C-alpha atoms as a PDB file:
ATOM      1  CA  MET A   1      -0.042   0.118   0.181  1.00  0.00           C
ATOM      2  CA  HIS A   2       2.973   2.225   1.033  1.00  0.00           C
ATOM      3  CA  ASP A   3       4.690   1.481  -2.436  1.00  0.00           C
ATOM      4  CA  GLU A   4       1.509   2.105  -4.365  1.00  0.00           C
ATOM      5  CA  SER A   5       1.298   5.641  -2.947  1.00  0.00           C
ATOM      6  CA  GLY A   6       4.839   6.305  -3.239  1.00  0.00           C
ATOM      7  CA  SER A   7       4.615   5.393  -6.975  1.00  0.00           C
ATOM      8  CA  ALA A   8       1.794   7.504  -7.639  1.00  0.00           C
ATOM      9  CA  SER A   9       3.400  10.413  -6.054  1.00  0.00           C
ATOM     10  CA  ASN A  10       6.433  10.017  -8.136  1.00  0.00           C
ATOM     11  CA  GLU A  11       4.242   9.899 -11.231  1.00  0.00           C
ATOM     12  CA  ASP A  12       2.571  13.382 -10.156  1.00  0.00           C
ATOM     13  CA  GLU A  13       5.761  14.724  -9.751  1.00  0.00           C
ATOM     14  CA  ALA A  14       7.293  13.662 -12.984  1.00  0.00           C
ATOM     15  CA  ASN A  15       4.130  14.834 -14.771  1.00  0.00           C
ATOM     16  CA  ASN A  16       4.335  18.405 -13.117  1.00  0.00           C
ATOM     17  CA  ALA A  17       7.854  18.538 -14.277  1.00  0.00           C
ATOM     18  CA  ARG A  18       7.107  17.884 -17.841  1.00  0.00           C
ATOM     19  CA  SER A  19       4.429  20.398 -17.533  1.00  0.00           C
ATOM     20  CA  ASP A  20       6.860  22.929 -16.415  1.00  0.00           C
ATOM     21  CA  GLY A  21       9.199  22.090 -18.800  1.00  0.00           C
ATOM     22  CA  ASP A  22       6.657  22.470 -21.629  1.00  0.00           C
ATOM     23  CA  SER A  23       5.700  25.771 -20.322  1.00  0.00           C
ATOM     24  CA  THR A  24       9.098  26.882 -20.033  1.00  0.00           C
ATOM     25  CA  SER A  25       9.667  25.634 -23.614  1.00  0.00           C
ATOM     26  CA  THR A  26       6.967  27.571 -24.937  1.00  0.00           C
ATOM     27  CA  SER A  27       7.880  30.832 -23.029  1.00  0.00           C
ATOM     28  CA  SER A  28      11.553  30.530 -24.576  1.00  0.00           C
ATOM     29  CA  ASP A  29       9.981  30.156 -27.939  1.00  0.00           C
ATOM     30  CA  GLN A  30       7.762  32.996 -27.723  1.00  0.00           C
ATOM     31  CA  ALA A  31      10.799  35.138 -26.439  1.00  0.00           C
ATOM     32  CA  ASN A  32      12.989  33.750 -29.470  1.00  0.00           C
ATOM     33  CA  SER A  33      10.383  34.581 -32.025  1.00  0.00           C
ATOM     34  CA  PRO A  34      10.330  37.970 -33.544  1.00  0.00           C
ATOM     35  CA  LEU A  35       6.488  38.420 -33.373  1.00  0.00           C
ATOM     36  CA  ARG A  36       5.446  38.557 -29.736  1.00  0.00           C
ATOM     37  CA  PHE A  37       1.801  37.769 -28.313  1.00  0.00           C
ATOM     38  CA  ASP A  38       0.441  41.019 -26.276  1.00  0.00           C
ATOM     39  CA  GLU A  39      -1.424  39.716 -23.112  1.00  0.00           C
ATOM     40  CA  SER A  40      -1.959  43.308 -21.712  1.00  0.00           C
ATOM     41  CA  ASN A  41      -5.145  44.128 -23.469  1.00  0.00           C
ATOM     42  CA  GLU A  42      -8.270  43.946 -21.388  1.00  0.00           C
ATOM     43  CA  HIS A  43      -9.768  41.376 -24.161  1.00  0.00           C
ATOM     44  CA  ASP A  44      -9.230  37.703 -23.854  1.00  0.00           C
ATOM     45  CA  ASN A  45      -8.045  37.288 -27.179  1.00  0.00           C
ATOM     46  CA  GLU A  46      -4.143  37.602 -27.475  1.00  0.00           C
ATOM     47  CA  ARG A  47      -3.027  40.145 -30.081  1.00  0.00           C
ATOM     48  CA  LEU A  48      -0.045  39.516 -32.446  1.00  0.00           C
ATOM     49  CA  SER A  49       2.847  42.211 -31.832  1.00  0.00           C
ATOM     50  CA  VAL A  50       5.155  43.380 -34.659  1.00  0.00           C
ATOM     51  CA  PRO A  51       8.417  44.711 -33.133  1.00  0.00           C
ATOM     52  CA  LEU A  52       9.138  48.215 -34.585  1.00  0.00           C
ATOM     53  CA  ASP A  53      12.714  47.128 -35.645  1.00  0.00           C
ATOM     54  CA  LEU A  54      11.428  44.290 -37.735  1.00  0.00           C
ATOM     55  CA  TRP A  55       8.800  46.432 -39.292  1.00  0.00           C
ATOM     56  CA  GLU A  56      11.376  49.083 -40.230  1.00  0.00           C
ATOM     57  CA  LEU A  57      13.708  46.296 -41.708  1.00  0.00           C
ATOM     58  CA  GLN A  58      11.001  45.049 -43.880  1.00  0.00           C
ATOM     59  CA  LEU A  59      10.165  48.588 -44.863  1.00  0.00           C
ATOM     60  CA  GLN A  60      13.802  49.209 -46.137  1.00  0.00           C
ATOM     61  CA  ARG A  61      13.768  46.051 -48.012  1.00  0.00           C
ATOM     62  CA  ALA A  62      10.534  47.303 -49.756  1.00  0.00           C
ATOM     63  CA  ARG A  63      12.342  50.454 -50.600  1.00  0.00           C
ATOM     64  CA  SER A  64      15.214  48.716 -52.268  1.00  0.00           C
ATOM     65  CA  LEU A  65      12.468  47.390 -54.832  1.00  0.00           C
ATOM     66  CA  VAL A  66      11.036  50.710 -55.393  1.00  0.00           C
ATOM     67  CA  THR A  67      12.954  52.318 -58.563  1.00  0.00           C
ATOM     68  CA  THR A  68      12.795  55.344 -60.155  1.00  0.00           C
ATOM     69  CA  ASN A  69      11.638  53.698 -63.291  1.00  0.00           C
ATOM     70  CA  PHE A  70       9.027  51.974 -61.357  1.00  0.00           C
ATOM     71  CA  LEU A  71       7.622  55.339 -60.148  1.00  0.00           C
ATOM     72  CA  ASN A  72       7.835  56.920 -63.512  1.00  0.00           C
ATOM     73  CA  LYS A  73       5.890  54.035 -65.038  1.00  0.00           C
ATOM     74  CA  LEU A  74       3.255  54.357 -62.348  1.00  0.00           C
ATOM     75  CA  VAL A  75       2.968  57.969 -62.899  1.00  0.00           C
ATOM     76  CA  MET A  76       2.783  57.207 -66.879  1.00  0.00           C
ATOM     77  CA  ASN A  77      -0.255  54.791 -66.484  1.00  0.00           C
ATOM     78  CA  TYR A  78      -2.163  57.313 -64.202  1.00  0.00           C
ATOM     79  CA  LEU A  79      -1.946  59.869 -66.849  1.00  0.00           C
ATOM     80  CA  ILE A  80      -2.970  57.381 -69.637  1.00  0.00           C
ATOM     81  CA  VAL A  81      -5.880  55.930 -67.597  1.00  0.00           C
ATOM     82  CA  GLU A  82      -6.948  59.567 -66.814  1.00  0.00           C
ATOM     83  CA  GLY A  83      -6.623  60.700 -70.345  1.00  0.00           C
ATOM     84  CA  ASP A  84      -4.201  63.782 -69.864  1.00  0.00           C
ATOM     85  CA  GLN A  85      -2.393  63.850 -73.106  1.00  0.00           C
ATOM     86  CA  LEU A  86      -0.600  67.045 -72.585  1.00  0.00           C
ATOM     87  CA  ALA A  87       0.789  65.936 -69.051  1.00  0.00           C
ATOM     88  CA  ALA A  88       1.659  62.255 -70.132  1.00  0.00           C
ATOM     89  CA  ARG A  89       3.679  63.715 -73.252  1.00  0.00           C
ATOM     90  CA  THR A  90       5.736  66.440 -71.089  1.00  0.00           C
ATOM     91  CA  PHE A  91       6.253  63.680 -68.471  1.00  0.00           C
ATOM     92  CA  ALA A  92       7.209  61.167 -71.282  1.00  0.00           C
ATOM     93  CA  GLU A  93       9.813  63.826 -72.293  1.00  0.00           C
ATOM     94  CA  GLU A  94      11.100  65.041 -68.897  1.00  0.00           C
ATOM     95  CA  SER A  95      11.515  61.391 -67.524  1.00  0.00           C
ATOM     96  CA  GLY A  96      12.405  59.274 -70.529  1.00  0.00           C
ATOM     97  CA  THR A  97       9.523  57.245 -69.803  1.00  0.00           C
ATOM     98  CA  THR A  98       8.131  55.366 -72.884  1.00  0.00           C
ATOM     99  CA  PRO A  99       4.464  55.153 -72.829  1.00  0.00           C
ATOM    100  CA  ASP A 100       3.106  51.587 -73.795  1.00  0.00           C
ATOM    101  CA  ILE A 101       0.204  53.083 -76.152  1.00  0.00           C
ATOM    102  CA  ASP A 102       0.142  55.851 -78.810  1.00  0.00           C
ATOM    103  CA  LEU A 103      -0.319  58.997 -76.884  1.00  0.00           C
ATOM    104  CA  SER A 104      -2.856  60.294 -79.870  1.00  0.00           C
ATOM    105  CA  THR A 105      -5.418  57.938 -78.447  1.00  0.00           C
ATOM    106  CA  ILE A 106      -5.445  59.994 -75.424  1.00  0.00           C
ATOM    107  CA  GLU A 107      -6.471  63.026 -77.120  1.00  0.00           C
ATOM    108  CA  GLN A 108      -9.010  61.204 -78.746  1.00  0.00           C
ATOM    109  CA  ARG A 109     -10.698  59.905 -75.488  1.00  0.00           C
ATOM    110  CA  GLN A 110     -10.055  63.500 -73.962  1.00  0.00           C
ATOM    111  CA  ASN A 111     -11.934  65.112 -76.702  1.00  0.00           C
ATOM    112  CA  ILE A 112     -14.896  62.470 -76.292  1.00  0.00           C
ATOM    113  CA  ARG A 113     -15.063  62.919 -72.369  1.00  0.00           C
ATOM    114  CA  HIS A 114     -15.130  66.795 -72.908  1.00  0.00           C
ATOM    115  CA  ASN A 115     -18.017  66.360 -75.754  1.00  0.00           C
ATOM    116  CA  ILE A 116     -20.039  64.227 -73.055  1.00  0.00           C
ATOM    117  CA  LEU A 117     -19.251  66.553 -70.014  1.00  0.00           C
ATOM    118  CA  LYS A 118     -20.629  69.581 -71.693  1.00  0.00           C
ATOM    119  CA  GLY A 119     -23.755  67.527 -73.271  1.00  0.00           C
ATOM    120  CA  ASP A 120     -22.764  67.144 -76.714  1.00  0.00           C
ATOM    121  CA  MET A 121     -23.614  63.481 -77.273  1.00  0.00           C
ATOM    122  CA  ASP A 122     -23.878  63.937 -80.999  1.00  0.00           C
ATOM    123  CA  GLY A 123     -20.035  65.282 -81.192  1.00  0.00           C
ATOM    124  CA  ALA A 124     -19.035  62.309 -78.605  1.00  0.00           C
ATOM    125  CA  ILE A 125     -20.628  59.777 -80.921  1.00  0.00           C
ATOM    126  CA  GLU A 126     -18.928  61.087 -84.050  1.00  0.00           C
ATOM    127  CA  SER A 127     -15.837  61.219 -82.227  1.00  0.00           C
ATOM    128  CA  ILE A 128     -15.923  57.644 -81.215  1.00  0.00           C
ATOM    129  CA  ASN A 129     -16.979  56.711 -84.883  1.00  0.00           C
ATOM    130  CA  VAL A 130     -13.870  58.489 -86.203  1.00  0.00           C
ATOM    131  CA  LEU A 131     -11.522  56.154 -83.591  1.00  0.00           C
ATOM    132  CA  ASN A 132     -13.405  53.281 -85.007  1.00  0.00           C
ATOM    133  CA  LYS A 133     -16.540  53.254 -87.057  1.00  0.00           C
ATOM    134  CA  ASP A 134     -17.520  49.904 -86.017  1.00  0.00           C
ATOM    135  CA  ILE A 135     -17.007  50.306 -82.090  1.00  0.00           C
ATOM    136  CA  LEU A 136     -20.442  51.323 -81.152  1.00  0.00           C
ATOM    137  CA  ARG A 137     -22.329  48.494 -83.336  1.00  0.00           C
ATOM    138  CA  SER A 138     -20.152  45.384 -83.577  1.00  0.00           C
ATOM    139  CA  SER A 139     -20.794  44.039 -80.179  1.00  0.00           C
ATOM    140  CA  GLU A 140     -23.702  44.031 -77.569  1.00  0.00           C
ATOM    141  CA  ASP A 141     -21.490  46.200 -75.139  1.00  0.00           C
ATOM    142  CA  GLY A 142     -20.803  48.635 -77.991  1.00  0.00           C
ATOM    143  CA  LEU A 143     -24.781  48.831 -78.719  1.00  0.00           C
ATOM    144  CA  SER A 144     -25.565  49.246 -75.097  1.00  0.00           C
ATOM    145  CA  LEU A 145     -23.164  52.107 -74.733  1.00  0.00           C
ATOM    146  CA  LEU A 146     -24.525  53.753 -78.056  1.00  0.00           C
ATOM    147  CA  PHE A 147     -28.026  53.412 -76.367  1.00  0.00           C
ATOM    148  CA  SER A 148     -26.658  55.394 -73.256  1.00  0.00           C
ATOM    149  CA  LEU A 149     -25.404  58.189 -75.348  1.00  0.00           C
ATOM    150  CA  LYS A 150     -28.300  58.616 -77.416  1.00  0.00           C
ATOM    151  CA  LYS A 151     -30.311  58.279 -74.221  1.00  0.00           C
ATOM    152  CA  GLN A 152     -28.290  60.944 -72.738  1.00  0.00           C
ATOM    153  CA  ASN A 153     -28.858  63.155 -75.753  1.00  0.00           C
ATOM    154  CA  ALA A 154     -32.714  62.907 -75.678  1.00  0.00           C
ATOM    155  CA  ILE A 155     -32.294  63.810 -71.690  1.00  0.00           C
ATOM    156  CA  GLU A 156     -30.261  67.163 -73.007  1.00  0.00           C
ATOM    157  CA  ILE A 157     -33.014  67.857 -75.471  1.00  0.00           C
ATOM    158  CA  ILE A 158     -35.511  67.449 -72.687  1.00  0.00           C
ATOM    159  CA  ARG A 159     -33.309  69.845 -70.694  1.00  0.00           C
ATOM    160  CA  SER A 160     -33.639  72.532 -73.360  1.00  0.00           C
ATOM    161  CA  GLY A 161     -37.083  72.478 -73.092  1.00  0.00           C
ATOM    162  CA  ASP A 162     -38.051  71.074 -76.638  1.00  0.00           C
ATOM    163  CA  VAL A 163     -40.643  68.136 -75.864  1.00  0.00           C
ATOM    164  CA  ALA A 164     -41.632  67.629 -79.276  1.00  0.00           C
ATOM    165  CA  LYS A 165     -38.128  67.423 -80.591  1.00  0.00           C
ATOM    166  CA  ALA A 166     -37.084  65.111 -77.582  1.00  0.00           C
ATOM    167  CA  LEU A 167     -40.206  62.657 -78.447  1.00  0.00           C
ATOM    168  CA  LYS A 168     -39.194  62.455 -81.983  1.00  0.00           C
ATOM    169  CA  TYR A 169     -35.600  61.806 -81.233  1.00  0.00           C
ATOM    170  CA  VAL A 170     -36.598  58.964 -78.832  1.00  0.00           C
ATOM    171  CA  GLN A 171     -38.710  57.360 -81.613  1.00  0.00           C
ATOM    172  CA  ASN A 172     -36.202  57.731 -84.509  1.00  0.00           C
ATOM    173  CA  GLU A 173     -32.751  57.421 -82.649  1.00  0.00           C
ATOM    174  CA  VAL A 174     -33.442  55.395 -79.329  1.00  0.00           C
ATOM    175  CA  GLY A 175     -36.306  53.040 -80.213  1.00  0.00           C
ATOM    176  CA  PRO A 176     -34.450  51.234 -83.253  1.00  0.00           C
ATOM    177  CA  ILE A 177     -31.776  50.184 -80.594  1.00  0.00           C
ATOM    178  CA  VAL A 178     -34.268  49.118 -78.097  1.00  0.00           C
ATOM    179  CA  LYS A 179     -35.820  46.716 -80.869  1.00  0.00           C
ATOM    180  CA  LEU A 180     -32.334  45.381 -80.926  1.00  0.00           C
ATOM    181  CA  LYS A 181     -31.734  44.911 -77.487  1.00  0.00           C
ATOM    182  CA  PRO A 182     -35.192  44.663 -75.621  1.00  0.00           C
ATOM    183  CA  ASP A 183     -33.575  44.504 -72.259  1.00  0.00           C
ATOM    184  CA  LEU A 184     -33.163  48.288 -72.527  1.00  0.00           C
ATOM    185  CA  MET A 185     -36.959  49.047 -72.892  1.00  0.00           C
ATOM    186  CA  GLU A 186     -37.226  50.062 -69.190  1.00  0.00           C
ATOM    187  CA  LYS A 187     -34.624  52.468 -69.276  1.00  0.00           C
ATOM    188  CA  MET A 188     -36.147  54.181 -72.484  1.00  0.00           C
ATOM    189  CA  GLU A 189     -39.561  54.101 -70.741  1.00  0.00           C
ATOM    190  CA  GLU A 190     -37.938  56.167 -67.804  1.00  0.00           C
ATOM    191  CA  VAL A 191     -37.171  59.021 -70.483  1.00  0.00           C
ATOM    192  CA  MET A 192     -40.368  58.781 -71.916  1.00  0.00           C
ATOM    193  CA  LEU A 193     -41.865  59.315 -68.600  1.00  0.00           C
ATOM    194  CA  LEU A 194     -39.968  62.584 -68.239  1.00  0.00           C
ATOM    195  CA  LEU A 195     -41.775  63.739 -71.494  1.00  0.00           C
ATOM    196  CA  VAL A 196     -45.118  63.268 -69.317  1.00  0.00           C
ATOM    197  CA  PHE A 197     -44.432  65.892 -66.905  1.00  0.00           C
ATOM    198  CA  SER A 198     -44.016  69.707 -67.923  1.00  0.00           C
ATOM    199  CA  ASP A 199     -42.615  70.183 -64.274  1.00  0.00           C
ATOM    200  CA  ILE A 200     -39.880  67.986 -63.608  1.00  0.00           C
ATOM    201  CA  LYS A 201     -40.090  68.352 -60.220  1.00  0.00           C
ATOM    202  CA  ALA A 202     -43.256  66.451 -60.188  1.00  0.00           C
ATOM    203  CA  ALA A 203     -41.810  63.525 -61.837  1.00  0.00           C
ATOM    204  CA  PRO A 204     -40.936  60.334 -59.772  1.00  0.00           C
ATOM    205  CA  ALA A 205     -37.435  60.617 -58.103  1.00  0.00           C
ATOM    206  CA  SER A 206     -35.856  57.952 -60.520  1.00  0.00           C
ATOM    207  CA  CYS A 207     -36.826  60.206 -63.167  1.00  0.00           C
ATOM    208  CA  ARG A 208     -35.602  63.233 -61.568  1.00  0.00           C
ATOM    209  CA  GLN A 209     -32.197  61.850 -61.178  1.00  0.00           C
ATOM    210  CA  LEU A 210     -31.793  61.441 -64.764  1.00  0.00           C
ATOM    211  CA  MET A 211     -31.624  65.281 -65.232  1.00  0.00           C
ATOM    212  CA  ALA A 212     -28.679  65.480 -62.708  1.00  0.00           C
ATOM    213  CA  LEU A 213     -25.469  66.396 -64.364  1.00  0.00           C
ATOM    214  CA  GLU A 214     -23.795  63.822 -62.716  1.00  0.00           C
ATOM    215  CA  CYS A 215     -25.260  61.455 -65.118  1.00  0.00           C
ATOM    216  CA  ARG A 216     -22.759  63.047 -67.738  1.00  0.00           C
ATOM    217  CA  THR A 217     -19.889  62.493 -65.464  1.00  0.00           C
ATOM    218  CA  ARG A 218     -20.764  58.729 -64.880  1.00  0.00           C
ATOM    219  CA  LEU A 219     -21.396  58.310 -68.787  1.00  0.00           C
ATOM    220  CA  ALA A 220     -17.764  60.037 -69.622  1.00  0.00           C
ATOM    221  CA  ALA A 221     -16.349  57.582 -67.133  1.00  0.00           C
ATOM    222  CA  GLU A 222     -18.126  54.426 -68.774  1.00  0.00           C
ATOM    223  CA  VAL A 223     -17.142  55.365 -72.285  1.00  0.00           C
ATOM    224  CA  ASN A 224     -13.691  55.996 -71.268  1.00  0.00           C
ATOM    225  CA  ALA A 225     -13.322  52.568 -69.768  1.00  0.00           C
ATOM    226  CA  TYR A 226     -14.794  51.036 -72.670  1.00  0.00           C
ATOM    227  CA  LEU A 227     -12.337  52.704 -74.863  1.00  0.00           C
ATOM    228  CA  LEU A 228      -9.582  51.499 -72.537  1.00  0.00           C
ATOM    229  CA  ARG A 229     -10.531  47.665 -72.638  1.00  0.00           C
ATOM    230  CA  LEU A 230     -10.559  48.096 -76.362  1.00  0.00           C
ATOM    231  CA  LEU A 231      -6.949  49.316 -76.448  1.00  0.00           C
ATOM    232  CA  ASN A 232      -6.134  46.491 -74.015  1.00  0.00           C
ATOM    233  CA  GLN A 233      -5.658  48.789 -71.298  1.00  0.00           C
ATOM    234  CA  SER A 234      -6.535  48.709 -67.687  1.00  0.00           C
ATOM    235  CA  THR A 235      -9.681  50.822 -66.714  1.00  0.00           C
ATOM    236  CA  THR A 236      -8.193  51.717 -63.136  1.00  0.00           C
ATOM    237  CA  ASP A 237      -4.911  53.330 -62.912  1.00  0.00           C
ATOM    238  CA  LYS A 238      -2.285  51.179 -61.080  1.00  0.00           C
ATOM    239  CA  ILE A 239      -1.712  54.128 -58.428  1.00  0.00           C
ATOM    240  CA  SER A 240      -5.560  53.678 -57.110  1.00  0.00           C
ATOM    241  CA  MET A 241      -5.147  49.749 -57.203  1.00  0.00           C
ATOM    242  CA  LEU A 242      -2.012  49.944 -55.058  1.00  0.00           C
ATOM    243  CA  ILE A 243      -3.646  52.055 -52.491  1.00  0.00           C
ATOM    244  CA  LYS A 244      -6.757  50.076 -52.522  1.00  0.00           C
ATOM    245  CA  GLU A 245      -4.741  46.880 -51.770  1.00  0.00           C
ATOM    246  CA  ASN A 246      -3.145  48.832 -49.090  1.00  0.00           C
ATOM    247  CA  HIS A 247      -6.403  49.616 -47.238  1.00  0.00           C
ATOM    248  CA  TRP A 248      -7.456  46.224 -47.790  1.00  0.00           C
ATOM    249  CA  MET A 249      -4.323  44.627 -46.087  1.00  0.00           C
ATOM    250  CA  GLN A 250      -4.583  47.204 -43.279  1.00  0.00           C
ATOM    251  CA  LYS A 251      -8.035  46.211 -42.531  1.00  0.00           C
ATOM    252  CA  LYS A 252      -7.068  42.392 -42.525  1.00  0.00           C
ATOM    253  CA  LEU A 253      -4.302  43.056 -39.829  1.00  0.00           C
ATOM    254  CA  HIS A 254      -6.819  45.081 -37.639  1.00  0.00           C
ATOM    255  CA  ASP A 255      -9.197  42.409 -38.006  1.00  0.00           C
ATOM    256  CA  MET A 256      -6.743  39.817 -37.117  1.00  0.00           C
ATOM    257  CA  MET A 257      -5.607  41.939 -34.181  1.00  0.00           C
ATOM    258  CA  VAL A 258      -2.037  42.421 -35.283  1.00  0.00           C
ATOM    259  CA  ILE A 259      -0.469  45.594 -33.565  1.00  0.00           C
ATOM    260  CA  GLY A 260       2.890  47.266 -34.174  1.00  0.00           C
ATOM    261  CA  ILE A 261       2.551  48.091 -37.936  1.00  0.00           C
ATOM    262  CA  PRO A 262       2.085  51.922 -38.373  1.00  0.00           C
ATOM    263  CA  ALA A 263      -1.178  52.775 -40.518  1.00  0.00           C
ATOM    264  CA  MET A 264      -0.598  54.631 -43.612  1.00  0.00           C
ATOM    265  CA  LYS A 265      -2.716  57.196 -44.432  1.00  0.00           C
ATOM    266  CA  LEU A 266      -2.777  57.987 -48.236  1.00  0.00           C
ATOM    267  CA  ASP A 267      -4.788  60.899 -49.539  1.00  0.00           C
ATOM    268  CA  PHE A 268      -4.920  59.985 -53.244  1.00  0.00           C
ATOM    269  CA  LYS A 269      -7.554  62.676 -54.241  1.00  0.00           C
ATOM    270  CA  GLN A 270      -5.810  65.646 -52.820  1.00  0.00           C
ATOM    271  CA  ALA A 271      -2.330  64.473 -54.020  1.00  0.00           C
ATOM    272  CA  THR A 272      -3.740  63.825 -57.675  1.00  0.00           C
ATOM    273  CA  SER A 273      -5.934  67.101 -57.587  1.00  0.00           C
ATOM    274  CA  GLU A 274      -2.503  69.158 -56.760  1.00  0.00           C
ATOM    275  CA  PHE A 275      -0.517  67.024 -59.443  1.00  0.00           C
ATOM    276  CA  LYS A 276      -3.152  67.978 -61.979  1.00  0.00           C
ATOM    277  CA  ASP A 277      -3.424  71.917 -60.874  1.00  0.00           C
ATOM    278  CA  ASP A 278       0.218  72.518 -61.075  1.00  0.00           C
ATOM    279  CA  ASN A 279       1.324  73.381 -64.538  1.00  0.00           C
ATOM    280  CA  SER A 280       4.986  72.413 -64.065  1.00  0.00           C
ATOM    281  CA  LEU A 281       5.124  68.362 -64.024  1.00  0.00           C
ATOM    282  CA  ASP A 282       8.953  68.977 -63.205  1.00  0.00           C
ATOM    283  CA  SER A 283       8.262  70.685 -59.828  1.00  0.00           C
ATOM    284  CA  VAL A 284       5.768  67.883 -58.631  1.00  0.00           C
ATOM    285  CA  ALA A 285       7.826  65.045 -59.793  1.00  0.00           C
ATOM    286  CA  SER A 286      11.321  66.459 -58.245  1.00  0.00           C
ATOM    287  CA  HIS A 287       9.223  66.839 -54.989  1.00  0.00           C
ATOM    288  CA  ASN A 288       8.192  63.212 -54.869  1.00  0.00           C
ATOM    289  CA  GLY A 289      11.653  61.742 -56.184  1.00  0.00           C
ATOM    290  CA  VAL A 290      10.640  61.351 -59.517  1.00  0.00           C
ATOM    291  CA  LEU A 291      12.675  62.202 -62.524  1.00  0.00           C
ATOM    292  CA  GLU A 292      15.939  61.985 -60.677  1.00  0.00           C
ATOM    293  CA  SER A 293      17.282  59.580 -63.209  1.00  0.00           C
ATOM    294  CA  LYS A 294      16.499  57.894 -66.653  1.00  0.00           C
ATOM    295  CA  GLU A 295      16.915  53.918 -65.375  1.00  0.00           C
END
């Protein structure tokens, strides 16, 4: 009986020793790991802490990959997607960056956008046909875009107050497209409903929204994106994509309760606004470390 009790006691001591050893080993592993768990927060969940020196080391490695040539290509891509031909030409000359498309197509897209923004849809359609006469009729997407342009033109006529001309335009220009694409009927009916009201303010909200000038802006962006796709170009500039990826990764780190990584606040709209407003690309580029060399 005494022997059994002593044996059990020895086993308990051995188990405790192993437990203490495992605990010590775990603590040692965490101490040697570059990532540490922060247990000081009031929540039960542990938070993964990234040491500042490790973050700075990774940042230095990333900076070594960002060359002047890489930054110049990002800027050129932005100017091409946004359709700023003068800025793109000037930047190409000053930085030595070779654009991956014919810059003359930027001017054509720019003219099309200006026509749409000022309400000249006929001018926009004519400019698109000069670029490629089959663009608006050779595919389902092109036909839908043609419908959007002609629908907006009908709205512009209604805006001018000539209801009879607008009705005739819808019947002769918009109607035939709807016959080819019946799924567009509902959108045409919204325009027809506008003709019923002598006072636009009395029309349903969905119809009143068609009269907003923002519709021109959205249509201009839609046409620009369509033309970029035809040129095998991205419809979103790479700088915007990088910023969106950055925001996504920071949100994921926050959701994973990772601390110790400084959050980067990027105001792209303000930066690009200042970039466009400055007549001298050289001053902006030099300020941002671009144009220093022609790698």
